[in-house]
């Protein structure tokens, strides 16, 4: 049986310059030029649109759910990026006590 399906193109839309492109859907088209035309009609006709990207779905390489823990584990261990990673409360408390002030109680 012959393949009668056109390739799938994922569509990414940018509402205004400087904004990130956001995935909004997919279209079936014989080539990238037609995919862009179809994407304009489907996703940019009524709303704001500064830019559209169409990407062949087969060109997207994504992580699988079972790989996520190993790939992103180190991102969770970056406490220094969070306010709680800065241990200055005791120094601030001592400074405020020297100057006759006190820290408000945490809720």
N, C-alpha and C. Protein backbone atom coordinates (compact mmCIF):
# COMPACT_ATOMS: atom_id res chain seq x y z
N UNK A 1 0.83 -1.18 0.00
CA UNK A 1 0.00 0.00 0.00
C UNK A 1 0.88 1.25 0.00
N UNK A 2 0.60 2.19 -0.86
CA UNK A 2 1.40 3.40 -0.99
C UNK A 2 1.15 4.34 0.19
N UNK A 3 2.19 5.08 0.56
CA UNK A 3 2.07 6.07 1.64
C UNK A 3 1.33 7.29 1.10
N UNK A 4 0.17 7.58 1.67
CA UNK A 4 -0.65 8.69 1.17
C UNK A 4 -0.65 9.88 2.13
N UNK A 5 0.10 9.79 3.23
CA UNK A 5 0.14 10.88 4.21
C UNK A 5 1.30 11.84 3.91
N UNK A 6 1.01 13.12 3.96
CA UNK A 6 2.08 14.11 3.87
C UNK A 6 2.82 14.14 5.20
N UNK A 7 4.07 14.61 5.18
CA UNK A 7 4.83 14.71 6.43
C UNK A 7 4.18 15.71 7.40
N UNK A 8 4.44 15.51 8.68
CA UNK A 8 3.93 16.40 9.73
C UNK A 8 4.98 17.47 10.02
N UNK A 9 4.53 18.72 10.12
CA UNK A 9 5.38 19.85 10.50
C UNK A 9 4.84 20.44 11.79
N UNK A 10 5.69 20.56 12.79
CA UNK A 10 5.30 21.20 14.05
C UNK A 10 5.39 22.71 13.84
N UNK A 11 4.44 23.45 14.42
CA UNK A 11 4.35 24.90 14.20
C UNK A 11 4.63 25.63 15.50
N UNK A 12 5.51 26.63 15.42
CA UNK A 12 5.87 27.47 16.56
C UNK A 12 5.56 28.92 16.19
N UNK A 13 4.87 29.62 17.08
CA UNK A 13 4.41 30.99 16.80
C UNK A 13 5.02 31.97 17.80
N UNK A 14 5.41 33.12 17.30
CA UNK A 14 5.89 34.23 18.14
C UNK A 14 4.88 35.36 18.01
N UNK A 15 4.25 35.75 19.13
CA UNK A 15 3.21 36.77 19.07
C UNK A 15 3.76 38.15 18.78
N UNK A 16 4.88 38.52 19.43
CA UNK A 16 5.50 39.82 19.14
C UNK A 16 7.01 39.67 19.24
N UNK A 17 7.71 40.56 18.59
CA UNK A 17 9.18 40.48 18.58
C UNK A 17 9.71 40.48 20.00
N UNK A 18 10.69 39.63 20.23
CA UNK A 18 11.28 39.52 21.56
C UNK A 18 10.67 38.41 22.39
N UNK A 19 9.44 37.99 22.07
CA UNK A 19 8.80 36.89 22.78
C UNK A 19 9.38 35.56 22.29
N UNK A 20 9.29 34.53 23.11
CA UNK A 20 9.74 33.21 22.63
C UNK A 20 8.74 32.63 21.64
N UNK A 21 9.22 31.76 20.79
CA UNK A 21 8.32 30.99 19.92
C UNK A 21 7.69 29.89 20.76
N UNK A 22 6.40 29.69 20.62
CA UNK A 22 5.65 28.72 21.41
C UNK A 22 5.00 27.70 20.46
N UNK A 23 5.07 26.44 20.84
CA UNK A 23 4.45 25.40 20.02
C UNK A 23 2.94 25.57 20.06
N UNK A 24 2.32 25.66 18.88
CA UNK A 24 0.87 25.87 18.80
C UNK A 24 0.13 24.73 18.11
N UNK A 25 0.86 23.82 17.49
CA UNK A 25 0.19 22.70 16.82
C UNK A 25 1.03 22.13 15.71
N UNK A 26 0.34 21.44 14.79
CA UNK A 26 1.03 20.78 13.68
C UNK A 26 0.16 20.84 12.44
N UNK A 27 0.82 20.74 11.29
CA UNK A 27 0.12 20.68 10.00
C UNK A 27 0.74 19.56 9.17
N UNK A 28 -0.03 19.03 8.26
CA UNK A 28 0.46 18.06 7.27
C UNK A 28 0.66 18.81 5.97
N UNK A 29 1.83 18.69 5.36
CA UNK A 29 2.12 19.40 4.12
C UNK A 29 3.17 18.64 3.32
N UNK A 30 3.19 18.84 1.99
CA UNK A 30 4.16 18.13 1.17
C UNK A 30 5.58 18.69 1.28
N UNK A 31 5.70 19.98 1.67
CA UNK A 31 7.02 20.60 1.77
C UNK A 31 6.96 21.77 2.77
N UNK A 32 8.12 22.32 3.17
CA UNK A 32 8.14 23.39 4.17
C UNK A 32 7.39 24.66 3.73
N UNK A 33 7.47 24.99 2.45
CA UNK A 33 6.78 26.19 1.96
C UNK A 33 5.26 26.07 2.14
N UNK A 34 4.72 24.92 1.76
CA UNK A 34 3.29 24.70 1.93
C UNK A 34 2.93 24.61 3.42
N UNK A 35 3.82 24.04 4.21
CA UNK A 35 3.58 23.96 5.66
C UNK A 35 3.45 25.36 6.26
N UNK A 36 4.29 26.28 5.81
CA UNK A 36 4.22 27.66 6.30
C UNK A 36 2.91 28.33 5.90
N UNK A 37 2.49 28.12 4.66
CA UNK A 37 1.21 28.68 4.19
C UNK A 37 0.05 28.13 5.02
N UNK A 38 0.04 26.82 5.23
CA UNK A 38 -1.03 26.21 6.01
C UNK A 38 -0.98 26.67 7.47
N UNK A 39 0.22 26.82 8.01
CA UNK A 39 0.36 27.28 9.40
C UNK A 39 -0.16 28.71 9.55
N UNK A 40 0.13 29.57 8.56
CA UNK A 40 -0.39 30.94 8.60
C UNK A 40 -1.91 30.93 8.64
N UNK A 41 -2.52 30.12 7.79
CA UNK A 41 -3.98 30.05 7.74
C UNK A 41 -4.57 29.48 9.03
N UNK A 42 -3.93 28.46 9.55
CA UNK A 42 -4.47 27.76 10.72
C UNK A 42 -4.22 28.51 12.03
N UNK A 43 -3.02 29.06 12.22
CA UNK A 43 -2.63 29.57 13.53
C UNK A 43 -2.41 31.08 13.62
N UNK A 44 -2.26 31.77 12.49
CA UNK A 44 -1.93 33.20 12.55
C UNK A 44 -2.98 34.10 11.92
N UNK A 45 -4.04 33.54 11.44
CA UNK A 45 -5.02 34.35 10.72
C UNK A 45 -5.78 35.30 11.63
N UNK A 46 -6.12 34.87 12.84
CA UNK A 46 -6.96 35.69 13.71
C UNK A 46 -6.19 36.36 14.84
N UNK A 47 -5.13 35.73 15.33
CA UNK A 47 -4.39 36.28 16.47
C UNK A 47 -3.17 37.06 16.05
N UNK A 48 -2.46 37.56 17.06
CA UNK A 48 -1.22 38.28 16.80
C UNK A 48 -0.13 37.30 16.40
N UNK A 49 0.71 37.73 15.46
CA UNK A 49 1.80 36.87 15.01
C UNK A 49 2.90 37.72 14.41
N UNK A 50 4.10 37.62 14.97
CA UNK A 50 5.26 38.31 14.41
C UNK A 50 6.11 37.36 13.58
N UNK A 51 6.06 36.06 13.92
CA UNK A 51 6.91 35.10 13.24
C UNK A 51 6.34 33.70 13.42
N UNK A 52 6.53 32.86 12.41
CA UNK A 52 6.14 31.45 12.47
C UNK A 52 7.33 30.59 12.08
N UNK A 53 7.48 29.48 12.77
CA UNK A 53 8.46 28.46 12.39
C UNK A 53 7.69 27.19 12.09
N UNK A 54 8.09 26.48 11.05
CA UNK A 54 7.60 25.13 10.80
C UNK A 54 8.82 24.20 10.78
N UNK A 55 8.71 23.12 11.51
CA UNK A 55 9.82 22.19 11.67
C UNK A 55 9.32 20.78 11.38
N UNK A 56 10.01 20.03 10.51
CA UNK A 56 9.57 18.65 10.29
C UNK A 56 9.56 17.89 11.63
N UNK A 57 8.45 17.24 11.92
CA UNK A 57 8.33 16.52 13.19
C UNK A 57 9.44 15.49 13.36
N UNK A 58 9.86 14.88 12.27
CA UNK A 58 10.91 13.87 12.37
C UNK A 58 12.27 14.47 12.74
N UNK A 59 12.43 15.80 12.62
CA UNK A 59 13.69 16.46 12.97
C UNK A 59 13.78 16.80 14.45
N UNK A 60 12.69 16.63 15.19
CA UNK A 60 12.69 16.96 16.62
C UNK A 60 13.12 15.72 17.40
N UNK A 61 14.14 15.91 18.21
CA UNK A 61 14.65 14.83 19.05
C UNK A 61 14.38 15.23 20.49
N UNK A 62 13.60 14.45 21.20
CA UNK A 62 13.20 14.79 22.57
C UNK A 62 13.57 13.68 23.53
N UNK A 63 13.71 14.04 24.80
CA UNK A 63 14.00 13.04 25.83
C UNK A 63 12.75 12.22 26.11
N UNK A 64 12.96 10.99 26.53
CA UNK A 64 11.85 10.13 26.93
C UNK A 64 11.63 10.29 28.42
N UNK A 65 10.43 10.00 28.88
CA UNK A 65 10.07 10.16 30.29
C UNK A 65 11.03 9.39 31.21
N UNK A 66 11.40 8.18 30.81
CA UNK A 66 12.27 7.37 31.67
C UNK A 66 13.70 7.92 31.74
N UNK A 67 14.08 8.78 30.80
CA UNK A 67 15.41 9.40 30.83
C UNK A 67 15.43 10.69 31.63
N UNK A 68 14.28 11.27 31.89
CA UNK A 68 14.20 12.60 32.49
C UNK A 68 14.93 12.69 33.81
N UNK A 69 14.81 11.69 34.67
CA UNK A 69 15.44 11.77 35.98
C UNK A 69 16.95 11.93 35.86
N UNK A 70 17.58 11.15 35.00
CA UNK A 70 19.03 11.25 34.82
C UNK A 70 19.47 12.53 34.13
N UNK A 71 18.67 13.01 33.18
CA UNK A 71 19.05 14.21 32.44
C UNK A 71 18.94 15.49 33.26
N UNK A 72 17.91 15.57 34.09
CA UNK A 72 17.62 16.83 34.77
C UNK A 72 17.88 16.80 36.27
N UNK A 73 18.48 15.75 36.77
CA UNK A 73 18.72 15.64 38.21
C UNK A 73 19.59 16.77 38.72
N UNK A 74 20.64 17.12 38.00
CA UNK A 74 21.55 18.16 38.49
C UNK A 74 20.88 19.53 38.54
N UNK A 75 19.87 19.76 37.72
CA UNK A 75 19.19 21.04 37.74
C UNK A 75 18.46 21.27 39.06
N UNK A 76 18.05 20.19 39.71
CA UNK A 76 17.34 20.31 40.97
C UNK A 76 18.28 20.57 42.14
N UNK A 77 19.56 20.33 41.95
CA UNK A 77 20.54 20.45 43.03
C UNK A 77 21.26 21.79 43.01
N UNK A 78 20.69 22.80 42.41
CA UNK A 78 21.35 24.10 42.31
C UNK A 78 20.70 25.07 43.30
N UNK A 79 20.83 24.73 44.57
CA UNK A 79 20.21 25.51 45.63
C UNK A 79 20.71 26.96 45.64
N UNK A 80 21.93 27.17 45.20
CA UNK A 80 22.49 28.52 45.22
C UNK A 80 21.70 29.49 44.34
N UNK A 81 20.87 28.99 43.45
CA UNK A 81 20.07 29.86 42.60
C UNK A 81 18.80 30.33 43.30
N UNK A 82 18.45 29.70 44.41
CA UNK A 82 17.25 30.05 45.15
C UNK A 82 17.62 30.94 46.33
N UNK A 83 16.71 31.80 46.77
CA UNK A 83 17.01 32.66 47.92
C UNK A 83 17.40 31.86 49.16
N UNK A 84 16.83 30.68 49.33
CA UNK A 84 17.17 29.90 50.52
C UNK A 84 18.61 29.40 50.47
N UNK A 85 19.26 29.47 49.32
CA UNK A 85 20.64 29.05 49.19
C UNK A 85 21.62 30.03 49.79
N UNK A 86 21.19 31.23 50.08
CA UNK A 86 22.06 32.24 50.67
C UNK A 86 21.87 32.23 52.17
N UNK A 87 22.89 31.84 52.89
CA UNK A 87 22.80 31.69 54.34
C UNK A 87 23.34 32.94 55.03
N UNK A 88 22.63 34.02 54.93
CA UNK A 88 23.07 35.29 55.52
C UNK A 88 22.17 35.75 56.66
N UNK A 89 21.12 34.99 56.94
CA UNK A 89 20.15 35.42 57.94
C UNK A 89 20.81 35.69 59.29
N UNK A 90 21.70 34.80 59.72
CA UNK A 90 22.34 34.98 61.03
C UNK A 90 23.21 36.23 61.04
N UNK A 91 23.93 36.51 59.97
CA UNK A 91 24.75 37.73 59.92
C UNK A 91 23.88 38.96 59.93
N UNK A 92 22.76 38.93 59.21
CA UNK A 92 21.84 40.07 59.21
C UNK A 92 21.27 40.27 60.60
N UNK A 93 20.90 39.17 61.27
CA UNK A 93 20.35 39.25 62.63
C UNK A 93 21.35 39.91 63.59
N UNK A 94 22.62 39.49 63.53
CA UNK A 94 23.64 40.10 64.40
C UNK A 94 23.81 41.58 64.11
N UNK A 95 23.82 41.96 62.82
CA UNK A 95 23.97 43.37 62.46
C UNK A 95 22.80 44.19 62.99
N UNK A 96 21.59 43.67 62.83
CA UNK A 96 20.41 44.39 63.29
C UNK A 96 20.39 44.52 64.80
N UNK A 97 20.84 43.47 65.52
CA UNK A 97 20.90 43.55 66.98
C UNK A 97 21.90 44.61 67.43
N UNK A 98 23.03 44.71 66.73
CA UNK A 98 24.02 45.74 67.07
C UNK A 98 23.45 47.14 66.88
N UNK A 99 22.51 47.28 65.94
CA UNK A 99 21.93 48.58 65.63
C UNK A 99 20.55 48.76 66.25
N UNK A 100 20.22 47.93 67.23
CA UNK A 100 18.97 48.08 67.96
C UNK A 100 17.71 47.74 67.19
N UNK A 101 17.82 46.85 66.20
CA UNK A 101 16.66 46.45 65.43
C UNK A 101 16.52 44.93 65.52
N UNK A 102 15.40 44.42 65.07
CA UNK A 102 15.21 42.98 65.04
C UNK A 102 14.52 42.56 63.76
N UNK A 103 14.79 41.33 63.36
CA UNK A 103 14.15 40.78 62.15
C UNK A 103 12.70 40.47 62.44
N UNK A 104 11.82 40.67 61.48
CA UNK A 104 10.44 40.24 61.68
C UNK A 104 10.37 38.72 61.75
N UNK A 105 9.44 38.19 62.47
CA UNK A 105 9.29 36.75 62.61
C UNK A 105 8.78 36.16 61.28
N UNK A 106 9.31 35.00 60.94
CA UNK A 106 8.85 34.32 59.71
C UNK A 106 7.46 33.77 59.93
N UNK A 107 6.65 33.82 58.88
CA UNK A 107 5.27 33.31 58.98
C UNK A 107 5.21 31.85 58.68
